[in-house]
Protein backbone atom coordinates (compact mmCIF):
# COMPACT_ATOMS: atom_id res chain seq x y z
CA PHE A 1 255.48 14.18 211.77
CA ASN A 2 254.41 14.69 215.35
CA GLY A 3 255.24 18.39 215.99
CA GLU A 4 256.81 17.73 219.39
CA ASP A 5 259.08 15.02 218.03
CA LEU A 6 260.06 17.19 215.06
CA LEU A 7 260.84 20.12 217.31
CA ARG A 8 262.93 17.96 219.66
CA CYS A 9 264.93 16.55 216.75
CA ILE A 10 265.63 19.80 214.94
CA LEU A 11 266.62 21.65 218.03
CA GLY A 12 269.01 18.77 218.80
CA TYR A 13 270.50 19.15 215.31
CA GLY A 14 271.21 22.82 215.95
CA LEU A 15 268.35 24.46 214.05
CA ARG A 16 266.84 27.53 215.71
CA PHE A 17 263.50 29.24 215.16
CA GLY A 18 263.99 32.65 213.58
CA ASP A 19 263.40 35.01 210.71
CA MET A 20 260.29 34.38 208.55
CA SER A 21 258.95 32.00 211.26
CA ILE A 22 261.02 29.10 209.99
CA PHE A 23 264.04 27.26 211.37
CA HIS A 24 267.65 28.01 210.45
CA ARG A 25 270.91 26.24 211.01
CA HIS A 26 273.69 28.78 211.70
CA GLU A 27 277.42 28.38 211.60
CA ARG A 28 277.38 27.46 215.25
CA PRO A 29 274.66 25.19 216.60
CA THR A 30 274.06 27.75 219.35
CA GLY A 31 272.34 29.94 216.70
CA GLN A 32 275.26 32.27 216.22
CA GLY A 33 276.90 33.18 212.91
CA GLU A 34 275.66 33.20 209.39
CA VAL A 35 272.77 30.96 208.24
CA LEU A 36 273.97 27.79 206.58
CA PHE A 37 270.53 26.49 205.52
CA SER A 38 266.90 26.73 206.54
CA MET A 39 263.89 24.49 207.02
CA ALA A 40 260.29 25.53 206.19
CA SER A 41 256.98 23.70 206.47
CA ALA A 42 255.95 21.87 203.33
CA VAL A 43 252.48 23.47 203.67
CA GLU A 44 251.97 27.03 202.45
CA PRO A 45 252.96 29.56 203.62
CA GLY A 46 255.85 27.50 204.93
CA THR A 47 255.92 28.94 208.38
CA PHE A 48 255.72 27.34 211.78
CA ASP A 49 253.65 28.41 214.81
CA LEU A 50 256.22 27.71 217.54
CA GLN A 51 253.58 28.02 220.30
CA ALA A 52 251.29 25.41 218.70
CA MET A 53 253.84 23.17 217.06
CA SER A 54 254.09 20.58 219.86
CA GLY A 55 250.35 19.79 219.42
CA GLN A 56 250.36 19.60 215.61
CA GLU A 57 250.97 17.04 212.97
CA ILE A 58 253.41 18.37 210.38
CA ILE A 59 252.84 16.94 206.88
CA GLY A 60 256.40 17.61 205.73
CA VAL A 61 259.34 19.99 205.75
CA SER A 62 261.57 21.45 203.10
CA PHE A 63 265.28 22.14 203.51
CA PHE A 64 266.91 24.82 201.36
CA GLN A 65 270.16 26.76 201.12
CA SER A 66 270.88 30.24 199.66
CA LEU A 67 273.85 30.70 197.44
CA PRO A 68 276.38 32.17 197.80
CA GLY A 69 276.69 31.28 201.43
CA VAL A 70 279.20 30.65 204.15
CA ASN A 71 281.28 27.63 203.08
CA SER A 72 278.52 26.49 200.73
CA ILE A 73 279.78 22.91 200.26
CA HIS A 74 280.10 22.31 203.99
CA ALA A 75 276.66 23.83 204.58
CA TYR A 76 275.16 21.61 201.86
CA ASP A 77 276.71 18.53 203.43
CA ILE A 78 275.36 19.45 206.89
CA MET A 79 271.94 20.12 205.37
CA VAL A 80 271.79 16.70 203.63
CA ASP A 81 273.06 14.96 206.78
CA THR A 82 270.38 16.73 208.85
CA ALA A 83 267.64 15.75 206.43
CA LYS A 84 268.84 12.12 206.41
CA ARG A 85 269.05 11.96 210.22
CA LEU A 86 265.56 13.46 210.53
CA SER A 87 264.06 11.00 208.07
CA ILE A 88 265.60 8.10 209.94
CA GLU A 89 264.70 9.34 213.40
CA LEU A 90 261.08 10.24 212.49
CA GLN A 91 260.66 7.51 209.90
CA GLY A 92 259.99 9.90 207.09
CA GLU A 93 260.87 9.87 203.42
CA LEU A 94 263.41 12.05 201.65
CA LEU A 95 261.88 13.33 198.43
CA ASP A 96 263.15 15.56 195.64
CA GLN A 97 261.29 18.54 194.17
CA GLN A 98 259.17 16.20 192.03
CA GLN A 99 258.06 14.27 195.11
CA GLN A 100 260.16 11.27 194.07
CA PRO A 101 262.56 9.42 196.41
CA LEU A 102 265.83 11.30 196.78
CA THR A 103 268.62 9.18 195.33
CA ARG A 104 272.29 9.17 196.22
CA GLN A 105 272.99 10.23 192.55
CA LEU A 106 270.75 13.27 192.86
CA VAL A 107 272.31 14.32 196.18
CA GLU A 108 275.75 14.08 194.52
CA HIS A 109 274.46 15.97 191.44
CA TYR A 110 273.24 18.84 193.63
CA ARG A 111 276.53 18.87 195.53
CA GLU A 112 278.36 19.18 192.23
CA ARG A 113 276.09 22.08 191.25
CA VAL A 114 276.97 23.85 194.49
CA GLN A 115 280.67 23.25 193.80
CA GLU A 116 280.32 24.56 190.22
CA PHE A 117 278.45 27.65 191.46
CA GLU A 118 281.28 28.41 193.94
CA ARG A 119 283.96 27.78 191.32
CA ARG A 120 282.31 30.24 188.89
CA ARG A 121 281.86 32.80 191.59
CA LEU A 122 285.52 32.59 192.57
CA MET A 123 286.60 32.93 188.95
CA GLN A 124 284.54 36.14 188.54
CA ARG A 125 286.23 37.87 191.46
CA PRO A 126 288.49 40.68 190.25
CA ALA A 127 292.23 40.12 190.74
CA ARG A 128 293.79 42.18 193.49
């Protein structure tokens, strides 16, 4: 990806440069609230040089979410939507962790895993 185009897109999607020199999408697109998901460079160490980014070619990016999180299902849906929009706008490919095309079935499978994680977490909470 052209670094300048990538930066323009992700800032437009509400991601903000922050901790660990990567981009984060917070509860509010203004960069306020808890982190919903993050985006790192696909090249080790995964960080971005914000000052040089506009003149760079970026080989790829990786989106990830920490669990438990703030409204994990909603955060997952926003993350997937952001990745899809980015791939369309910059003519990239969405790949899974094995570098294979990301299928609708796999996206749904991961969503179900997030739901199951949250369900188990809620069941483990002590009764009040």
